């Protein structure tokens, strides 16, 4: 294989990686818990937090609400990580985990 073919393949792979990364970055992932929904983009930036609890939140429930937010955020991050692994995993192993 000559160097030109190798460079062409590398450029093609780079375009594919960039396209898949943009798809992930522009996607919205929803994390949920019993009281909270969190929407994050693929860059792991929170887009929206919605409290789904319908009752009155008492002072005692504050800690529970904080836990529910944490659970929802971690759920969304887990979904993003799973999507990245699904779409980018093949490339990552080719470059020893650089992606």
PDB file of N, CA and C in Angstrom:
ATOM      1  N   UNK A   1       0.854  -1.177   0.000  1.00  0.00           N
ATOM      2  CA  UNK A   1       0.000   0.000   0.000  1.00  0.00           C
ATOM      3  C   UNK A   1       0.901   1.241   0.000  1.00  0.00           C
ATOM      4  N   UNK A   2       0.573   2.169  -0.848  1.00  0.00           N
ATOM      5  CA  UNK A   2       1.400   3.379  -0.895  1.00  0.00           C
ATOM      6  C   UNK A   2       0.891   4.436   0.075  1.00  0.00           C
ATOM      7  N   UNK A   3       1.732   5.423   0.278  1.00  0.00           N
ATOM      8  CA  UNK A   3       1.432   6.470   1.265  1.00  0.00           C
ATOM      9  C   UNK A   3       0.202   7.289   0.889  1.00  0.00           C
ATOM     10  N   UNK A   4      -0.038   7.481  -0.401  1.00  0.00           N
ATOM     11  CA  UNK A   4      -1.209   8.261  -0.829  1.00  0.00           C
ATOM     12  C   UNK A   4      -2.502   7.536  -0.483  1.00  0.00           C
ATOM     13  N   UNK A   5      -2.531   6.232  -0.700  1.00  0.00           N
ATOM     14  CA  UNK A   5      -3.721   5.458  -0.342  1.00  0.00           C
ATOM     15  C   UNK A   5      -3.948   5.481   1.169  1.00  0.00           C
ATOM     16  N   UNK A   6      -2.864   5.381   1.910  1.00  0.00           N
ATOM     17  CA  UNK A   6      -2.959   5.416   3.359  1.00  0.00           C
ATOM     18  C   UNK A   6      -3.491   6.760   3.853  1.00  0.00           C
ATOM     19  N   UNK A   7      -2.987   7.824   3.260  1.00  0.00           N
ATOM     20  CA  UNK A   7      -3.465   9.167   3.633  1.00  0.00           C
ATOM     21  C   UNK A   7      -4.929   9.355   3.263  1.00  0.00           C
ATOM     22  N   UNK A   8      -5.338   8.853   2.106  1.00  0.00           N
ATOM     23  CA  UNK A   8      -6.737   8.966   1.678  1.00  0.00           C
ATOM     24  C   UNK A   8      -7.648   8.208   2.647  1.00  0.00           C
ATOM     25  N   UNK A   9      -7.231   7.033   3.084  1.00  0.00           N
ATOM     26  CA  UNK A   9      -8.018   6.256   4.042  1.00  0.00           C
ATOM     27  C   UNK A   9      -8.105   6.977   5.390  1.00  0.00           C
ATOM     28  N   UNK A  10      -7.000   7.572   5.803  1.00  0.00           N
ATOM     29  CA  UNK A  10      -6.998   8.311   7.069  1.00  0.00           C
ATOM     30  C   UNK A  10      -7.929   9.511   7.001  1.00  0.00           C
ATOM     31  N   UNK A  11      -7.938  10.220   5.883  1.00  0.00           N
ATOM     32  CA  UNK A  11      -8.829  11.375   5.726  1.00  0.00           C
ATOM     33  C   UNK A  11     -10.287  10.935   5.718  1.00  0.00           C
ATOM     34  N   UNK A  12     -10.560   9.828   5.055  1.00  0.00           N
ATOM     35  CA  UNK A  12     -11.921   9.310   5.018  1.00  0.00           C
ATOM     36  C   UNK A  12     -12.385   8.927   6.430  1.00  0.00           C
ATOM     37  N   UNK A  13     -11.511   8.259   7.168  1.00  0.00           N
ATOM     38  CA  UNK A  13     -11.852   7.856   8.524  1.00  0.00           C
ATOM     39  C   UNK A  13     -12.059   9.083   9.406  1.00  0.00           C
ATOM     40  N   UNK A  14     -11.238  10.100   9.232  1.00  0.00           N
ATOM     41  CA  UNK A  14     -11.379  11.314  10.020  1.00  0.00           C
ATOM     42  C   UNK A  14     -12.719  11.987   9.751  1.00  0.00           C
ATOM     43  N   UNK A  15     -13.157  12.011   8.493  1.00  0.00           N
ATOM     44  CA  UNK A  15     -14.461  12.593   8.150  1.00  0.00           C
ATOM     45  C   UNK A  15     -15.589  11.799   8.787  1.00  0.00           C
ATOM     46  N   UNK A  16     -15.472  10.466   8.756  1.00  0.00           N
ATOM     47  CA  UNK A  16     -16.502   9.621   9.365  1.00  0.00           C
ATOM     48  C   UNK A  16     -16.575   9.850  10.874  1.00  0.00           C
ATOM     49  N   UNK A  17     -15.430   9.944  11.522  1.00  0.00           N
ATOM     50  CA  UNK A  17     -15.386  10.176  12.969  1.00  0.00           C
ATOM     51  C   UNK A  17     -16.004  11.530  13.303  1.00  0.00           C
ATOM     52  N   UNK A  18     -15.638  12.550  12.530  1.00  0.00           N
ATOM     53  CA  UNK A  18     -16.170  13.894  12.762  1.00  0.00           C
ATOM     54  C   UNK A  18     -17.683  13.904  12.593  1.00  0.00           C
ATOM     55  N   UNK A  19     -18.177  13.230  11.569  1.00  0.00           N
ATOM     56  CA  UNK A  19     -19.630  13.183  11.322  1.00  0.00           C
ATOM     57  C   UNK A  19     -20.357  12.497  12.477  1.00  0.00           C
ATOM     58  N   UNK A  20     -19.825  11.368  12.928  1.00  0.00           N
ATOM     59  CA  UNK A  20     -20.482  10.650  14.022  1.00  0.00           C
ATOM     60  C   UNK A  20     -20.426  11.450  15.316  1.00  0.00           C
ATOM     61  N   UNK A  21     -19.305  12.119  15.573  1.00  0.00           N
ATOM     62  CA  UNK A  21     -19.184  12.950  16.770  1.00  0.00           C
ATOM     63  C   UNK A  21     -20.192  14.097  16.737  1.00  0.00           C
ATOM     64  N   UNK A  22     -20.370  14.725  15.568  1.00  0.00           N
ATOM     65  CA  UNK A  22     -21.362  15.796  15.438  1.00  0.00           C
ATOM     66  C   UNK A  22     -22.773  15.278  15.663  1.00  0.00           C
ATOM     67  N   UNK A  23     -23.067  14.070  15.153  1.00  0.00           N
ATOM     68  CA  UNK A  23     -24.389  13.475  15.374  1.00  0.00           C
ATOM     69  C   UNK A  23     -24.648  13.292  16.867  1.00  0.00           C
ATOM     70  N   UNK A  24     -23.652  12.778  17.567  1.00  0.00           N
ATOM     71  CA  UNK A  24     -23.799  12.575  19.007  1.00  0.00           C
ATOM     72  C   UNK A  24     -23.943  13.912  19.726  1.00  0.00           C
ATOM     73  N   UNK A  25     -23.075  14.873  19.393  1.00  0.00           N
ATOM     74  CA  UNK A  25     -23.112  16.184  20.056  1.00  0.00           C
ATOM     75  C   UNK A  25     -24.454  16.876  19.886  1.00  0.00           C
ATOM     76  N   UNK A  26     -25.110  16.670  18.741  1.00  0.00           N
ATOM     77  CA  UNK A  26     -26.374  17.339  18.451  1.00  0.00           C
ATOM     78  C   UNK A  26     -27.599  16.550  18.920  1.00  0.00           C
ATOM     79  N   UNK A  27     -27.381  15.382  19.466  1.00  0.00           N
ATOM     80  CA  UNK A  27     -28.486  14.566  19.965  1.00  0.00           C
ATOM     81  C   UNK A  27     -28.832  14.977  21.396  1.00  0.00           C
ATOM     82  N   UNK A  28     -30.070  14.717  21.784  1.00  0.00           N
ATOM     83  CA  UNK A  28     -30.527  14.977  23.145  1.00  0.00           C
ATOM     84  C   UNK A  28     -30.757  13.633  23.829  1.00  0.00           C
ATOM     85  N   UNK A  29     -30.223  13.504  25.034  1.00  0.00           N
ATOM     86  CA  UNK A  29     -30.340  12.289  25.827  1.00  0.00           C
ATOM     87  C   UNK A  29     -31.089  12.646  27.101  1.00  0.00           C
ATOM     88  N   UNK A  30     -32.107  11.839  27.424  1.00  0.00           N
ATOM     89  CA  UNK A  30     -32.932  12.115  28.590  1.00  0.00           C
ATOM     90  C   UNK A  30     -32.601  11.130  29.700  1.00  0.00           C
ATOM     91  N   UNK A  31     -32.255  11.678  30.836  1.00  0.00           N
ATOM     92  CA  UNK A  31     -32.055  10.878  32.032  1.00  0.00           C
ATOM     93  C   UNK A  31     -33.259  11.051  32.935  1.00  0.00           C
ATOM     94  N   UNK A  32     -33.650   9.984  33.596  1.00  0.00           N
ATOM     95  CA  UNK A  32     -34.852  10.062  34.424  1.00  0.00           C
ATOM     96  C   UNK A  32     -34.604   9.464  35.802  1.00  0.00           C
ATOM     97  N   UNK A  33     -35.350   9.968  36.732  1.00  0.00           N
ATOM     98  CA  UNK A  33     -35.452   9.370  38.058  1.00  0.00           C
ATOM     99  C   UNK A  33     -36.919   9.504  38.451  1.00  0.00           C
ATOM    100  N   UNK A  34     -37.235   9.135  39.641  1.00  0.00           N
ATOM    101  CA  UNK A  34     -38.634   9.149  40.066  1.00  0.00           C
ATOM    102  C   UNK A  34     -39.235  10.551  40.053  1.00  0.00           C
ATOM    103  N   UNK A  35     -38.448  11.574  40.346  1.00  0.00           N
ATOM    104  CA  UNK A  35     -38.977  12.935  40.455  1.00  0.00           C
ATOM    105  C   UNK A  35     -38.447  13.900  39.411  1.00  0.00           C
ATOM    106  N   UNK A  36     -37.467  13.486  38.606  1.00  0.00           N
ATOM    107  CA  UNK A  36     -36.748  14.437  37.759  1.00  0.00           C
ATOM    108  C   UNK A  36     -36.480  13.849  36.371  1.00  0.00           C
ATOM    109  N   UNK A  37     -36.585  14.709  35.342  1.00  0.00           N
ATOM    110  CA  UNK A  37     -36.106  14.397  34.000  1.00  0.00           C
ATOM    111  C   UNK A  37     -35.023  15.416  33.660  1.00  0.00           C
ATOM    112  N   UNK A  38     -33.917  14.938  33.107  1.00  0.00           N
ATOM    113  CA  UNK A  38     -32.823  15.808  32.700  1.00  0.00           C
ATOM    114  C   UNK A  38     -32.528  15.537  31.242  1.00  0.00           C
ATOM    115  N   UNK A  39     -32.448  16.608  30.448  1.00  0.00           N
ATOM    116  CA  UNK A  39     -32.072  16.476  29.041  1.00  0.00           C
ATOM    117  C   UNK A  39     -30.672  17.057  28.866  1.00  0.00           C
ATOM    118  N   UNK A  40     -29.797  16.259  28.245  1.00  0.00           N
ATOM    119  CA  UNK A  40     -28.425  16.692  27.992  1.00  0.00           C
ATOM    120  C   UNK A  40     -28.107  16.487  26.518  1.00  0.00           C
ATOM    121  N   UNK A  41     -27.241  17.353  25.993  1.00  0.00           N
ATOM    122  CA  UNK A  41     -26.768  17.116  24.647  1.00  0.00           C
ATOM    123  C   UNK A  41     -25.581  16.154  24.715  1.00  0.00           C
ATOM    124  N   UNK A  42     -25.101  15.745  23.558  1.00  0.00           N
ATOM    125  CA  UNK A  42     -24.018  14.775  23.504  1.00  0.00           C
ATOM    126  C   UNK A  42     -22.696  15.291  24.020  1.00  0.00           C
ATOM    127  N   UNK A  43     -22.602  16.582  24.267  1.00  0.00           N
ATOM    128  CA  UNK A  43     -21.393  17.162  24.855  1.00  0.00           C
ATOM    129  C   UNK A  43     -21.488  17.157  26.379  1.00  0.00           C
ATOM    130  N   UNK A  44     -22.525  16.516  26.895  1.00  0.00           N
ATOM    131  CA  UNK A  44     -22.790  16.385  28.326  1.00  0.00           C
ATOM    132  C   UNK A  44     -23.085  17.724  28.982  1.00  0.00           C
ATOM    133  N   UNK A  45     -23.750  18.592  28.230  1.00  0.00           N
ATOM    134  CA  UNK A  45     -24.218  19.875  28.762  1.00  0.00           C
ATOM    135  C   UNK A  45     -25.707  19.754  29.033  1.00  0.00           C
ATOM    136  N   UNK A  46     -26.136  20.171  30.207  1.00  0.00           N
ATOM    137  CA  UNK A  46     -27.555  20.072  30.550  1.00  0.00           C
ATOM    138  C   UNK A  46     -28.332  21.109  29.756  1.00  0.00           C
ATOM    139  N   UNK A  47     -29.344  20.634  29.049  1.00  0.00           N
ATOM    140  CA  UNK A  47     -30.218  21.501  28.260  1.00  0.00           C
ATOM    141  C   UNK A  47     -31.473  21.876  29.043  1.00  0.00           C
ATOM    142  N   UNK A  48     -31.961  20.921  29.870  1.00  0.00           N
ATOM    143  CA  UNK A  48     -33.235  21.149  30.556  1.00  0.00           C
ATOM    144  C   UNK A  48     -33.328  20.230  31.768  1.00  0.00           C
ATOM    145  N   UNK A  49     -33.873  20.763  32.840  1.00  0.00           N
ATOM    146  CA  UNK A  49     -34.183  19.971  34.029  1.00  0.00           C
ATOM    147  C   UNK A  49     -35.660  20.178  34.320  1.00  0.00           C
ATOM    148  N   UNK A  50     -36.378  19.075  34.481  1.00  0.00           N
ATOM    149  CA  UNK A  50     -37.815  19.174  34.785  1.00  0.00           C
ATOM    150  C   UNK A  50     -38.110  18.357  36.045  1.00  0.00           C
ATOM    151  N   UNK A  51     -38.712  19.030  37.010  1.00  0.00           N
ATOM    152  CA  UNK A  51     -39.159  18.360  38.227  1.00  0.00           C
ATOM    153  C   UNK A  51     -40.534  17.777  37.929  1.00  0.00           C
ATOM    154  N   UNK A  52     -40.653  16.457  38.025  1.00  0.00           N
ATOM    155  CA  UNK A  52     -41.920  15.800  37.710  1.00  0.00           C
ATOM    156  C   UNK A  52     -42.741  15.497  38.954  1.00  0.00           C
ATOM    157  N   UNK A  53     -42.184  15.734  40.123  1.00  0.00           N
ATOM    158  CA  UNK A  53     -42.895  15.515  41.385  1.00  0.00           C
ATOM    159  C   UNK A  53     -44.058  16.486  41.458  1.00  0.00           C
ATOM    160  N   UNK A  54     -45.247  15.973  41.715  1.00  0.00           N
ATOM    161  CA  UNK A  54     -46.455  16.792  41.678  1.00  0.00           C
ATOM    162  C   UNK A  54     -46.840  17.385  43.029  1.00  0.00           C
ATOM    163  N   UNK A  55     -46.311  16.859  44.091  1.00  0.00           N
ATOM    164  CA  UNK A  55     -46.711  17.336  45.410  1.00  0.00           C
ATOM    165  C   UNK A  55     -45.897  18.532  45.859  1.00  0.00           C
ATOM    166  N   UNK A  56     -46.120  18.919  47.089  1.00  0.00           N
ATOM    167  CA  UNK A  56     -45.346  19.989  47.701  1.00  0.00           C
ATOM    168  C   UNK A  56     -44.052  19.386  48.227  1.00  0.00           C
ATOM    169  N   UNK A  57     -42.953  20.040  47.946  1.00  0.00           N
ATOM    170  CA  UNK A  57     -41.667  19.544  48.415  1.00  0.00           C
ATOM    171  C   UNK A  57     -41.378  20.159  49.784  1.00  0.00           C
ATOM    172  N   UNK A  58     -41.385  19.325  50.779  1.00  0.00           N
ATOM    173  CA  UNK A  58     -41.105  19.747  52.148  1.00  0.00           C
ATOM    174  C   UNK A  58     -39.589  19.828  52.341  1.00  0.00           C
ATOM    175  N   UNK A  59     -39.178  20.458  53.389  1.00  0.00           N
ATOM    176  CA  UNK A  59     -37.749  20.574  53.683  1.00  0.00           C
ATOM    177  C   UNK A  59     -37.097  19.188  53.767  1.00  0.00           C
ATOM    178  N   UNK A  60     -37.807  18.222  54.338  1.00  0.00           N
ATOM    179  CA  UNK A  60     -37.273  16.869  54.445  1.00  0.00           C
ATOM    180  C   UNK A  60     -37.054  16.229  53.075  1.00  0.00           C
ATOM    181  N   UNK A  61     -37.830  16.677  52.085  1.00  0.00           N
ATOM    182  CA  UNK A  61     -37.727  16.105  50.743  1.00  0.00           C
ATOM    183  C   UNK A  61     -36.593  16.719  49.927  1.00  0.00           C
ATOM    184  N   UNK A  62     -35.970  17.773  50.437  1.00  0.00           N
ATOM    185  CA  UNK A  62     -34.905  18.457  49.705  1.00  0.00           C
ATOM    186  C   UNK A  62     -33.755  17.500  49.372  1.00  0.00           C
ATOM    187  N   UNK A  63     -33.320  16.729  50.345  1.00  0.00           N
ATOM    188  CA  UNK A  63     -32.233  15.785  50.117  1.00  0.00           C
ATOM    189  C   UNK A  63     -32.641  14.720  49.092  1.00  0.00           C
ATOM    190  N   UNK A  64     -33.887  14.284  49.170  1.00  0.00           N
ATOM    191  CA  UNK A  64     -34.386  13.295  48.208  1.00  0.00           C
ATOM    192  C   UNK A  64     -34.386  13.880  46.804  1.00  0.00           C
ATOM    193  N   UNK A  65     -34.820  15.124  46.658  1.00  0.00           N
ATOM    194  CA  UNK A  65     -34.827  15.782  45.352  1.00  0.00           C
ATOM    195  C   UNK A  65     -33.406  15.907  44.807  1.00  0.00           C
ATOM    196  N   UNK A  66     -32.467  16.277  45.659  1.00  0.00           N
ATOM    197  CA  UNK A  66     -31.072  16.366  45.228  1.00  0.00           C
ATOM    198  C   UNK A  66     -30.575  15.015  44.718  1.00  0.00           C
ATOM    199  N   UNK A  67     -30.932  13.943  45.413  1.00  0.00           N
ATOM    200  CA  UNK A  67     -30.554  12.598  44.976  1.00  0.00           C
ATOM    201  C   UNK A  67     -31.197  12.249  43.634  1.00  0.00           C
ATOM    202  N   UNK A  68     -32.457  12.642  43.459  1.00  0.00           N
ATOM    203  CA  UNK A  68     -33.154  12.353  42.203  1.00  0.00           C
ATOM    204  C   UNK A  68     -32.518  13.094  41.019  1.00  0.00           C
ATOM    205  N   UNK A  69     -32.067  14.317  41.249  1.00  0.00           N
ATOM    206  CA  UNK A  69     -31.373  15.072  40.202  1.00  0.00           C
ATOM    207  C   UNK A  69     -30.075  14.357  39.836  1.00  0.00           C
ATOM    208  N   UNK A  70     -29.326  13.940  40.854  1.00  0.00           N
ATOM    209  CA  UNK A  70     -28.069  13.231  40.613  1.00  0.00           C
ATOM    210  C   UNK A  70     -28.323  11.945  39.822  1.00  0.00           C
ATOM    211  N   UNK A  71     -29.341  11.199  40.176  1.00  0.00           N
ATOM    212  CA  UNK A  71     -29.662   9.956  39.478  1.00  0.00           C
ATOM    213  C   UNK A  71     -30.006  10.239  38.017  1.00  0.00           C
ATOM    214  N   UNK A  72     -30.823  11.256  37.774  1.00  0.00           N
ATOM    215  CA  UNK A  72     -31.230  11.588  36.406  1.00  0.00           C
ATOM    216  C   UNK A  72     -30.041  12.044  35.563  1.00  0.00           C
ATOM    217  N   UNK A  73     -29.169  12.872  36.139  1.00  0.00           N
ATOM    218  CA  UNK A  73     -27.986  13.330  35.403  1.00  0.00           C
ATOM    219  C   UNK A  73     -27.087  12.139  35.074  1.00  0.00           C
ATOM    220  N   UNK A  74     -26.840  11.289  36.046  1.00  0.00           N
ATOM    221  CA  UNK A  74     -25.998  10.120  35.805  1.00  0.00           C
ATOM    222  C   UNK A  74     -26.614   9.180  34.777  1.00  0.00           C
ATOM    223  N   UNK A  75     -27.928   9.084  34.754  1.00  0.00           N
ATOM    224  CA  UNK A  75     -28.616   8.266  33.762  1.00  0.00           C
ATOM    225  C   UNK A  75     -28.384   8.829  32.354  1.00  0.00           C
ATOM    226  N   UNK A  76     -28.515  10.140  32.206  1.00  0.00           N
ATOM    227  CA  UNK A  76     -28.290  10.769  30.897  1.00  0.00           C
ATOM    228  C   UNK A  76     -26.837  10.613  30.459  1.00  0.00           C
ATOM    229  N   UNK A  77     -25.894  10.812  31.370  1.00  0.00           N
ATOM    230  CA  UNK A  77     -24.470  10.654  31.037  1.00  0.00           C
ATOM    231  C   UNK A  77     -24.189   9.215  30.601  1.00  0.00           C
ATOM    232  N   UNK A  78     -24.780   8.269  31.286  1.00  0.00           N
ATOM    233  CA  UNK A  78     -24.612   6.861  30.906  1.00  0.00           C
ATOM    234  C   UNK A  78     -25.127   6.578  29.508  1.00  0.00           C
ATOM    235  N   UNK A  79     -26.246   7.191  29.147  1.00  0.00           N
ATOM    236  CA  UNK A  79     -26.796   7.007  27.798  1.00  0.00           C
ATOM    237  C   UNK A  79     -25.889   7.634  26.749  1.00  0.00           C
ATOM    238  N   UNK A  80     -25.318   8.781  27.055  1.00  0.00           N
ATOM    239  CA  UNK A  80     -24.381   9.424  26.126  1.00  0.00           C
ATOM    240  C   UNK A  80     -23.153   8.530  25.943  1.00  0.00           C
ATOM    241  N   UNK A  81     -22.595   8.050  27.039  1.00  0.00           N
ATOM    242  CA  UNK A  81     -21.421   7.186  26.959  1.00  0.00           C
ATOM    243  C   UNK A  81     -21.703   5.928  26.146  1.00  0.00           C
ATOM    244  N   UNK A  82     -22.886   5.365  26.322  1.00  0.00           N
ATOM    245  CA  UNK A  82     -23.270   4.170  25.569  1.00  0.00           C
ATOM    246  C   UNK A  82     -23.363   4.478  24.068  1.00  0.00           C
ATOM    247  N   UNK A  83     -23.920   5.632  23.727  1.00  0.00           N
ATOM    248  CA  UNK A  83     -24.033   6.035  22.322  1.00  0.00           C
ATOM    249  C   UNK A  83     -22.649   6.283  21.715  1.00  0.00           C
ATOM    250  N   UNK A  84     -21.772   6.925  22.466  1.00  0.00           N
ATOM    251  CA  UNK A  84     -20.405   7.160  21.986  1.00  0.00           C
ATOM    252  C   UNK A  84     -19.714   5.824  21.741  1.00  0.00           C
ATOM    253  N   UNK A  85     -19.837   4.905  22.666  1.00  0.00           N
ATOM    254  CA  UNK A  85     -19.217   3.588  22.498  1.00  0.00           C
ATOM    255  C   UNK A  85     -19.803   2.861  21.288  1.00  0.00           C
ATOM    256  N   UNK A  86     -21.113   2.977  21.116  1.00  0.00           N
ATOM    257  CA  UNK A  86     -21.778   2.315  19.993  1.00  0.00           C
ATOM    258  C   UNK A  86     -21.303   2.866  18.652  1.00  0.00           C
ATOM    259  N   UNK A  87     -21.212   4.188  18.548  1.00  0.00           N
ATOM    260  CA  UNK A  87     -20.862   4.800  17.267  1.00  0.00           C
ATOM    261  C   UNK A  87     -19.370   4.953  17.046  1.00  0.00           C
ATOM    262  N   UNK A  88     -18.605   5.112  18.119  1.00  0.00           N
ATOM    263  CA  UNK A  88     -17.189   5.423  17.982  1.00  0.00           C
ATOM    264  C   UNK A  88     -16.279   4.281  18.445  1.00  0.00           C
ATOM    265  N   UNK A  89     -16.845   3.265  19.025  1.00  0.00           N
ATOM    266  CA  UNK A  89     -16.033   2.193  19.592  1.00  0.00           C
ATOM    267  C   UNK A  89     -15.072   1.554  18.615  1.00  0.00           C
ATOM    268  N   UNK A  90     -15.509   1.329  17.385  1.00  0.00           N
ATOM    269  CA  UNK A  90     -14.642   0.699  16.393  1.00  0.00           C
ATOM    270  C   UNK A  90     -13.428   1.552  16.090  1.00  0.00           C
ATOM    271  N   UNK A  91     -13.599   2.857  16.110  1.00  0.00           N
ATOM    272  CA  UNK A  91     -12.477   3.752  15.836  1.00  0.00           C
ATOM    273  C   UNK A  91     -11.547   3.834  17.032  1.00  0.00           C
ATOM    274  N   UNK A  92     -12.115   3.811  18.204  1.00  0.00           N
ATOM    275  CA  UNK A  92     -11.304   3.938  19.410  1.00  0.00           C
ATOM    276  C   UNK A  92     -10.307   2.815  19.557  1.00  0.00           C
ATOM    277  N   UNK A  93     -10.713   1.581  19.239  1.00  0.00           N
ATOM    278  CA  UNK A  93      -9.783   0.469  19.367  1.00  0.00           C
ATOM    279  C   UNK A  93      -8.669   0.542  18.331  1.00  0.00           C
ATOM    280  N   UNK A  94      -8.923   1.181  17.214  1.00  0.00           N
ATOM    281  CA  UNK A  94      -7.902   1.317  16.177  1.00  0.00           C
ATOM    282  C   UNK A  94      -6.813   2.292  16.584  1.00  0.00           C
ATOM    283  N   UNK A  95      -7.122   3.206  17.474  1.00  0.00           N
ATOM    284  CA  UNK A  95      -6.178   4.229  17.877  1.00  0.00           C
ATOM    285  C   UNK A  95      -5.840   4.150  19.355  1.00  0.00           C
ATOM    286  N   UNK A  96      -5.939   2.930  19.918  1.00  0.00           N
ATOM    287  CA  UNK A  96      -5.596   2.701  21.325  1.00  0.00           C
ATOM    288  C   UNK A  96      -6.310   3.650  22.276  1.00  0.00           C
ATOM    289  N   UNK A  97      -7.604   3.882  22.044  1.00  0.00           N
ATOM    290  CA  UNK A  97      -8.419   4.663  22.960  1.00  0.00           C
ATOM    291  C   UNK A  97      -8.234   6.166  22.887  1.00  0.00           C
ATOM    292  N   UNK A  98      -7.671   6.685  21.806  1.00  0.00           N
ATOM    293  CA  UNK A  98      -7.499   8.123  21.685  1.00  0.00           C
ATOM    294  C   UNK A  98      -8.807   8.859  21.470  1.00  0.00           C
ATOM    295  N   UNK A  99      -9.858   8.176  21.060  1.00  0.00           N
ATOM    296  CA  UNK A  99     -11.134   8.842  20.782  1.00  0.00           C
ATOM    297  C   UNK A  99     -12.121   8.529  21.869  1.00  0.00           C
TER     298      UNK A  99
END
